[in-house]
Every structure is written in structure tokens, then in C-alpha cells.
N, C-alpha and C. Protein backbone atom coordinates (compact mmCIF):
# COMPACT_ATOMS: atom_id res chain seq x y z
N MET A 1 15.48 -2.41 -9.51
CA MET A 1 14.68 -3.62 -9.32
C MET A 1 13.51 -3.59 -10.30
N THR A 2 13.26 -4.69 -10.95
CA THR A 2 12.12 -4.77 -11.86
C THR A 2 10.89 -5.20 -11.08
N ALA A 3 9.74 -5.01 -11.67
CA ALA A 3 8.48 -5.34 -11.01
C ALA A 3 8.25 -6.85 -10.92
N ALA A 4 8.87 -7.60 -11.80
CA ALA A 4 8.63 -9.05 -11.85
C ALA A 4 8.96 -9.69 -10.51
N GLY A 5 7.98 -10.37 -9.96
CA GLY A 5 8.16 -11.09 -8.71
C GLY A 5 8.04 -10.25 -7.46
N VAL A 6 7.85 -8.95 -7.58
CA VAL A 6 7.71 -8.08 -6.42
C VAL A 6 6.27 -8.13 -5.94
N ARG A 7 6.10 -8.49 -4.66
CA ARG A 7 4.75 -8.63 -4.09
C ARG A 7 4.33 -7.35 -3.41
N LEU A 8 3.15 -6.85 -3.79
CA LEU A 8 2.59 -5.65 -3.19
C LEU A 8 1.24 -5.97 -2.57
N LEU A 9 0.95 -5.33 -1.46
CA LEU A 9 -0.34 -5.43 -0.80
C LEU A 9 -1.08 -4.12 -1.02
N LEU A 10 -2.28 -4.21 -1.56
CA LEU A 10 -3.13 -3.04 -1.83
C LEU A 10 -4.34 -3.10 -0.92
N MET A 11 -4.54 -2.05 -0.12
CA MET A 11 -5.71 -1.99 0.76
C MET A 11 -6.53 -0.76 0.41
N ASP A 12 -7.81 -0.98 0.06
CA ASP A 12 -8.73 0.11 -0.22
C ASP A 12 -10.14 -0.40 0.04
N ASP A 13 -10.98 0.44 0.64
CA ASP A 13 -12.34 0.01 0.97
C ASP A 13 -13.28 0.02 -0.23
N GLU A 14 -12.89 0.67 -1.31
CA GLU A 14 -13.76 0.75 -2.49
C GLU A 14 -13.43 -0.36 -3.48
N ASP A 15 -14.45 -1.17 -3.80
CA ASP A 15 -14.27 -2.28 -4.74
C ASP A 15 -13.68 -1.81 -6.07
N SER A 16 -14.22 -0.71 -6.60
CA SER A 16 -13.77 -0.24 -7.91
C SER A 16 -12.30 0.17 -7.87
N VAL A 17 -11.89 0.83 -6.81
CA VAL A 17 -10.49 1.25 -6.70
C VAL A 17 -9.58 0.03 -6.59
N ARG A 18 -9.96 -0.93 -5.75
CA ARG A 18 -9.16 -2.15 -5.63
C ARG A 18 -9.02 -2.84 -6.97
N GLY A 19 -10.10 -2.93 -7.71
CA GLY A 19 -10.08 -3.61 -9.00
C GLY A 19 -9.21 -2.89 -10.02
N ILE A 20 -9.39 -1.59 -10.16
CA ILE A 20 -8.64 -0.83 -11.15
C ILE A 20 -7.16 -0.77 -10.80
N VAL A 21 -6.85 -0.44 -9.56
CA VAL A 21 -5.44 -0.28 -9.17
C VAL A 21 -4.71 -1.62 -9.19
N SER A 22 -5.38 -2.69 -8.78
CA SER A 22 -4.71 -3.99 -8.83
C SER A 22 -4.43 -4.39 -10.28
N ARG A 23 -5.35 -4.09 -11.20
CA ARG A 23 -5.09 -4.38 -12.62
C ARG A 23 -3.94 -3.54 -13.15
N MET A 24 -3.88 -2.27 -12.74
CA MET A 24 -2.79 -1.40 -13.17
C MET A 24 -1.44 -1.94 -12.68
N LEU A 25 -1.40 -2.34 -11.42
CA LEU A 25 -0.16 -2.87 -10.84
C LEU A 25 0.25 -4.18 -11.52
N ARG A 26 -0.72 -5.04 -11.79
CA ARG A 26 -0.41 -6.30 -12.48
C ARG A 26 0.11 -6.02 -13.89
N ARG A 27 -0.47 -5.04 -14.55
CA ARG A 27 0.00 -4.67 -15.89
C ARG A 27 1.45 -4.19 -15.82
N LEU A 28 1.82 -3.57 -14.70
CA LEU A 28 3.21 -3.12 -14.50
C LEU A 28 4.13 -4.28 -14.12
N GLY A 29 3.55 -5.46 -13.87
CA GLY A 29 4.36 -6.63 -13.58
C GLY A 29 4.42 -7.05 -12.13
N TYR A 30 3.70 -6.36 -11.25
CA TYR A 30 3.72 -6.70 -9.83
C TYR A 30 2.78 -7.84 -9.51
N ASP A 31 3.11 -8.59 -8.47
CA ASP A 31 2.25 -9.62 -7.91
C ASP A 31 1.47 -8.91 -6.80
N VAL A 32 0.15 -8.84 -6.93
CA VAL A 32 -0.66 -8.01 -6.04
C VAL A 32 -1.71 -8.84 -5.31
N GLU A 33 -1.85 -8.57 -4.02
CA GLU A 33 -2.98 -9.09 -3.24
C GLU A 33 -3.74 -7.89 -2.72
N VAL A 34 -5.05 -8.03 -2.58
CA VAL A 34 -5.88 -6.91 -2.17
C VAL A 34 -6.62 -7.20 -0.87
N ALA A 35 -6.88 -6.10 -0.15
CA ALA A 35 -7.62 -6.17 1.11
C ALA A 35 -8.62 -5.02 1.15
N ARG A 36 -9.77 -5.27 1.80
CA ARG A 36 -10.82 -4.26 1.91
C ARG A 36 -10.57 -3.26 3.03
N ASP A 37 -9.88 -3.70 4.08
CA ASP A 37 -9.64 -2.82 5.22
C ASP A 37 -8.37 -3.25 5.93
N GLY A 38 -8.03 -2.52 6.98
CA GLY A 38 -6.79 -2.79 7.68
C GLY A 38 -6.72 -4.14 8.33
N ALA A 39 -7.83 -4.61 8.87
CA ALA A 39 -7.83 -5.92 9.52
C ALA A 39 -7.51 -7.02 8.50
N GLU A 40 -8.13 -6.94 7.34
CA GLU A 40 -7.85 -7.93 6.29
C GLU A 40 -6.42 -7.79 5.78
N ALA A 41 -5.93 -6.56 5.64
CA ALA A 41 -4.56 -6.33 5.20
C ALA A 41 -3.57 -6.92 6.20
N GLU A 42 -3.82 -6.69 7.47
CA GLU A 42 -2.92 -7.22 8.51
C GLU A 42 -2.91 -8.75 8.49
N ALA A 43 -4.08 -9.36 8.31
CA ALA A 43 -4.15 -10.83 8.26
C ALA A 43 -3.39 -11.37 7.05
N LEU A 44 -3.56 -10.77 5.88
CA LEU A 44 -2.84 -11.21 4.69
C LEU A 44 -1.33 -11.02 4.85
N PHE A 45 -0.95 -9.90 5.44
CA PHE A 45 0.45 -9.58 5.64
C PHE A 45 1.11 -10.58 6.60
N ALA A 46 0.42 -10.86 7.71
CA ALA A 46 0.95 -11.80 8.70
C ALA A 46 1.08 -13.20 8.10
N GLN A 47 0.06 -13.62 7.35
CA GLN A 47 0.09 -14.95 6.73
C GLN A 47 1.25 -15.04 5.75
N ALA A 48 1.43 -14.03 4.91
CA ALA A 48 2.52 -14.03 3.94
C ALA A 48 3.87 -14.07 4.65
N HIS A 49 3.98 -13.34 5.74
CA HIS A 49 5.23 -13.32 6.51
C HIS A 49 5.53 -14.70 7.10
N ARG A 50 4.50 -15.33 7.68
CA ARG A 50 4.66 -16.67 8.26
C ARG A 50 5.06 -17.70 7.21
N GLU A 51 4.52 -17.56 6.02
CA GLU A 51 4.76 -18.52 4.94
C GLU A 51 6.07 -18.24 4.19
N GLY A 52 6.81 -17.21 4.60
CA GLY A 52 8.08 -16.91 3.96
C GLY A 52 7.96 -16.28 2.58
N ARG A 53 6.82 -15.65 2.32
CA ARG A 53 6.63 -14.96 1.04
C ARG A 53 6.12 -13.54 1.32
N PRO A 54 6.96 -12.76 1.99
CA PRO A 54 6.53 -11.43 2.45
C PRO A 54 6.27 -10.45 1.31
N PHE A 55 5.50 -9.45 1.63
CA PHE A 55 5.25 -8.35 0.70
C PHE A 55 6.44 -7.41 0.74
N ALA A 56 6.81 -6.88 -0.41
CA ALA A 56 7.88 -5.89 -0.48
C ALA A 56 7.39 -4.54 0.00
N ALA A 57 6.09 -4.27 -0.22
CA ALA A 57 5.54 -2.96 0.11
C ALA A 57 4.01 -3.02 0.13
N ALA A 58 3.43 -1.92 0.60
CA ALA A 58 1.96 -1.83 0.66
C ALA A 58 1.50 -0.46 0.21
N ILE A 59 0.33 -0.43 -0.40
CA ILE A 59 -0.36 0.82 -0.73
C ILE A 59 -1.63 0.81 0.09
N LEU A 60 -1.75 1.78 1.01
CA LEU A 60 -2.82 1.75 2.01
C LEU A 60 -3.70 2.98 1.92
N ASP A 61 -5.00 2.75 1.77
CA ASP A 61 -5.99 3.82 1.79
C ASP A 61 -6.01 4.43 3.19
N LEU A 62 -5.91 5.75 3.26
CA LEU A 62 -5.87 6.40 4.57
C LEU A 62 -7.19 6.35 5.31
N SER A 63 -8.28 6.48 4.57
CA SER A 63 -9.60 6.60 5.19
C SER A 63 -10.46 5.39 4.84
N VAL A 64 -10.79 4.61 5.86
CA VAL A 64 -11.64 3.42 5.68
C VAL A 64 -12.79 3.53 6.67
N PRO A 65 -13.94 4.07 6.23
CA PRO A 65 -15.07 4.22 7.14
C PRO A 65 -15.45 2.89 7.80
N GLY A 66 -15.53 2.90 9.11
CA GLY A 66 -15.92 1.70 9.85
C GLY A 66 -14.84 0.65 9.95
N GLY A 67 -13.62 0.96 9.49
CA GLY A 67 -12.54 -0.01 9.53
C GLY A 67 -11.22 0.64 9.87
N LEU A 68 -10.20 -0.19 9.93
CA LEU A 68 -8.85 0.27 10.24
C LEU A 68 -8.27 0.97 9.01
N GLY A 69 -7.93 2.25 9.14
CA GLY A 69 -7.39 3.02 8.04
C GLY A 69 -5.89 2.82 7.86
N GLY A 70 -5.33 3.56 6.93
CA GLY A 70 -3.95 3.38 6.52
C GLY A 70 -2.92 3.58 7.60
N ALA A 71 -3.04 4.62 8.41
CA ALA A 71 -2.02 4.90 9.42
C ALA A 71 -1.98 3.79 10.47
N ALA A 72 -3.14 3.38 10.96
CA ALA A 72 -3.19 2.31 11.95
C ALA A 72 -2.75 0.98 11.34
N THR A 73 -3.09 0.77 10.08
CA THR A 73 -2.69 -0.45 9.39
C THR A 73 -1.17 -0.50 9.24
N LEU A 74 -0.58 0.62 8.87
CA LEU A 74 0.88 0.63 8.72
C LEU A 74 1.55 0.32 10.07
N ALA A 75 1.03 0.86 11.15
CA ALA A 75 1.59 0.55 12.47
C ALA A 75 1.51 -0.95 12.75
N ALA A 76 0.39 -1.57 12.39
CA ALA A 76 0.22 -3.02 12.61
C ALA A 76 1.18 -3.82 11.74
N LEU A 77 1.36 -3.39 10.49
CA LEU A 77 2.28 -4.08 9.58
C LEU A 77 3.73 -3.93 10.07
N ARG A 78 4.05 -2.75 10.59
CA ARG A 78 5.41 -2.51 11.10
C ARG A 78 5.70 -3.38 12.33
N ALA A 79 4.68 -3.75 13.08
CA ALA A 79 4.89 -4.64 14.22
C ALA A 79 5.33 -6.02 13.74
N ILE A 80 4.94 -6.38 12.53
CA ILE A 80 5.31 -7.67 11.94
C ILE A 80 6.65 -7.54 11.20
N ASP A 81 6.80 -6.48 10.42
CA ASP A 81 8.01 -6.24 9.64
C ASP A 81 8.35 -4.75 9.71
N PRO A 82 9.27 -4.37 10.59
CA PRO A 82 9.61 -2.96 10.75
C PRO A 82 10.15 -2.30 9.49
N GLN A 83 10.57 -3.08 8.50
CA GLN A 83 11.16 -2.53 7.27
C GLN A 83 10.15 -2.33 6.15
N ILE A 84 8.87 -2.68 6.37
CA ILE A 84 7.89 -2.56 5.30
C ILE A 84 7.80 -1.11 4.81
N ARG A 85 7.75 -0.96 3.50
CA ARG A 85 7.59 0.35 2.89
C ARG A 85 6.15 0.49 2.46
N ALA A 86 5.61 1.70 2.60
CA ALA A 86 4.20 1.90 2.27
C ALA A 86 3.94 3.27 1.68
N ALA A 87 2.93 3.31 0.82
CA ALA A 87 2.41 4.56 0.28
C ALA A 87 1.02 4.77 0.84
N ALA A 88 0.73 6.00 1.18
CA ALA A 88 -0.62 6.38 1.60
C ALA A 88 -1.41 6.75 0.35
N SER A 89 -2.61 6.25 0.24
CA SER A 89 -3.49 6.55 -0.88
C SER A 89 -4.71 7.27 -0.33
N THR A 90 -5.04 8.42 -0.93
CA THR A 90 -6.18 9.18 -0.41
C THR A 90 -6.85 10.00 -1.51
N GLY A 91 -8.12 10.19 -1.34
CA GLY A 91 -8.89 11.04 -2.22
C GLY A 91 -9.17 12.39 -1.58
N HIS A 92 -8.61 12.61 -0.41
CA HIS A 92 -8.82 13.86 0.34
C HIS A 92 -7.61 14.77 0.21
N ALA A 93 -7.86 16.08 0.20
CA ALA A 93 -6.77 17.04 0.17
C ALA A 93 -5.94 16.89 1.44
N LEU A 94 -4.64 16.97 1.28
CA LEU A 94 -3.75 16.78 2.43
C LEU A 94 -3.51 18.07 3.21
N ASP A 95 -3.60 19.22 2.55
CA ASP A 95 -3.40 20.50 3.22
C ASP A 95 -2.18 20.50 4.13
N GLY A 96 -1.04 20.12 3.57
CA GLY A 96 0.21 20.14 4.33
C GLY A 96 0.44 18.92 5.20
N ALA A 97 -0.41 17.91 5.12
CA ALA A 97 -0.27 16.73 5.96
C ALA A 97 0.76 15.73 5.43
N GLY A 98 1.35 16.02 4.27
CA GLY A 98 2.33 15.10 3.70
C GLY A 98 3.47 14.81 4.65
N GLY A 99 3.95 15.84 5.36
CA GLY A 99 5.02 15.65 6.33
C GLY A 99 4.58 14.77 7.48
N ASP A 100 3.34 14.93 7.90
CA ASP A 100 2.80 14.09 8.97
C ASP A 100 2.77 12.63 8.53
N LEU A 101 2.42 12.39 7.28
CA LEU A 101 2.38 11.02 6.76
C LEU A 101 3.77 10.42 6.72
N ARG A 102 4.75 11.20 6.35
CA ARG A 102 6.13 10.70 6.36
C ARG A 102 6.57 10.39 7.79
N ALA A 103 6.16 11.21 8.74
CA ALA A 103 6.49 10.97 10.14
C ALA A 103 5.85 9.67 10.63
N LEU A 104 4.72 9.30 10.06
CA LEU A 104 4.05 8.05 10.41
C LEU A 104 4.72 6.85 9.75
N GLY A 105 5.63 7.10 8.81
CA GLY A 105 6.36 6.01 8.18
C GLY A 105 6.03 5.76 6.72
N PHE A 106 5.16 6.57 6.13
CA PHE A 106 4.84 6.39 4.72
C PHE A 106 5.99 6.90 3.86
N THR A 107 6.33 6.15 2.83
CA THR A 107 7.40 6.51 1.91
C THR A 107 6.90 7.49 0.86
N ALA A 108 5.62 7.38 0.49
CA ALA A 108 5.07 8.20 -0.59
C ALA A 108 3.57 8.38 -0.37
N VAL A 109 3.00 9.31 -1.15
CA VAL A 109 1.57 9.58 -1.11
C VAL A 109 1.04 9.54 -2.53
N LEU A 110 -0.08 8.86 -2.70
CA LEU A 110 -0.80 8.83 -3.97
C LEU A 110 -2.14 9.54 -3.78
N LEU A 111 -2.35 10.63 -4.52
CA LEU A 111 -3.61 11.36 -4.44
C LEU A 111 -4.55 10.85 -5.53
N LYS A 112 -5.72 10.33 -5.10
CA LYS A 112 -6.71 9.80 -6.05
C LYS A 112 -7.41 10.96 -6.73
N PRO A 113 -7.75 10.82 -7.99
CA PRO A 113 -7.36 9.71 -8.87
C PRO A 113 -5.93 9.93 -9.36
N TYR A 114 -5.18 8.85 -9.45
CA TYR A 114 -3.81 8.96 -9.93
C TYR A 114 -3.66 8.21 -11.25
N SER A 115 -2.67 8.64 -12.00
CA SER A 115 -2.43 8.06 -13.33
C SER A 115 -1.58 6.81 -13.23
N MET A 116 -1.50 6.08 -14.32
CA MET A 116 -0.64 4.91 -14.41
C MET A 116 0.82 5.32 -14.17
N ASP A 117 1.23 6.45 -14.72
CA ASP A 117 2.60 6.92 -14.54
C ASP A 117 2.89 7.22 -13.07
N GLU A 118 1.95 7.88 -12.39
CA GLU A 118 2.14 8.18 -10.96
C GLU A 118 2.23 6.89 -10.15
N LEU A 119 1.35 5.95 -10.45
CA LEU A 119 1.36 4.67 -9.74
C LEU A 119 2.66 3.92 -10.02
N ALA A 120 3.09 3.91 -11.27
CA ALA A 120 4.33 3.20 -11.62
C ALA A 120 5.52 3.80 -10.89
N SER A 121 5.58 5.12 -10.80
CA SER A 121 6.69 5.79 -10.12
C SER A 121 6.71 5.46 -8.63
N VAL A 122 5.56 5.54 -7.98
CA VAL A 122 5.48 5.24 -6.55
C VAL A 122 5.75 3.77 -6.28
N ALA A 123 5.18 2.89 -7.08
CA ALA A 123 5.41 1.45 -6.88
C ALA A 123 6.89 1.11 -7.04
N ALA A 124 7.55 1.72 -8.00
CA ALA A 124 8.98 1.46 -8.18
C ALA A 124 9.78 1.94 -6.98
N ARG A 125 9.43 3.11 -6.44
CA ARG A 125 10.12 3.60 -5.24
C ARG A 125 9.88 2.68 -4.05
N LEU A 126 8.65 2.19 -3.92
CA LEU A 126 8.34 1.29 -2.81
C LEU A 126 9.11 -0.02 -2.92
N ALA A 127 9.27 -0.49 -4.15
CA ALA A 127 9.92 -1.80 -4.37
C ALA A 127 11.43 -1.75 -4.15
N GLU A 128 12.01 -0.57 -4.16
CA GLU A 128 13.45 -0.44 -3.93
C GLU A 128 13.74 -0.76 -2.47
N ARG A 129 14.77 -1.53 -2.24
CA ARG A 129 15.20 -1.80 -0.87
C ARG A 129 16.48 -1.04 -0.61
N ALA A 130 16.48 -0.26 0.44
CA ALA A 130 17.68 0.55 0.78
C ALA A 130 18.80 -0.34 1.29
């Protein structure tokens, strides 16, 4: 699957991360919408689903101080679309938590800061439909 026309939802609480990563994804050819926290991501996701223009996948920041983080957000998105694929994005060491993230339903993990190549690889995996 090519990136053209593939819709991705990016959720991160940091303005700079949202800006840089969304530009990187657009440069790769993805159609990207951004959210500051899980509540905003869930609202955008639900609206897109209702309008018949669903997201193929999401990249969700695990830690959102004062807001809904990635794991809870993924659970909310799965209530709308059980097939949604998602990557966890984090700047914190996982210390073996990668398996726990997969058990929560994440397809991949992006450790910040990540390169364009890492992002391209994960986005391509997310965009694949089994």
C-alpha cells in the first residue's frame, strides 16, 4: 500500500512534536490530522468514522500529563473501530514494556526522537491491512 490517500491520526501533547512529525508524515505522502490529547483524538476519530472517512491508523503519545494518554486513547478508539492499528510513541525508556504495549493492542513502538526512516517504516506497517 502506498502512502497516498492513507489517513493517519497523530496524537502528542507537545506542539513541536506534533508539528515536526506531521510534516514528516505529509512528506511521506500521508494525510494527517493531529490531536493534543486523547480526548481530542477520540473526538476526531469518531467524527471521521461518522463521516465515512476513517483513519487507517494512529500514532499515540503514551504519556500526556493532565490528559488521556496513548493506552487509554487506543482503548477508546477500539470501541469505535476494533480494527484500528496504532503505534505507541514515547520519549521514556520502555525497560521491557514493549510486550505490554503489544498486549494493549499497539502494533509498533516509536522511541523519541525517531528518524524519518523509523517513522516511514512504522507508518507503512500501520497502513497495511491484514
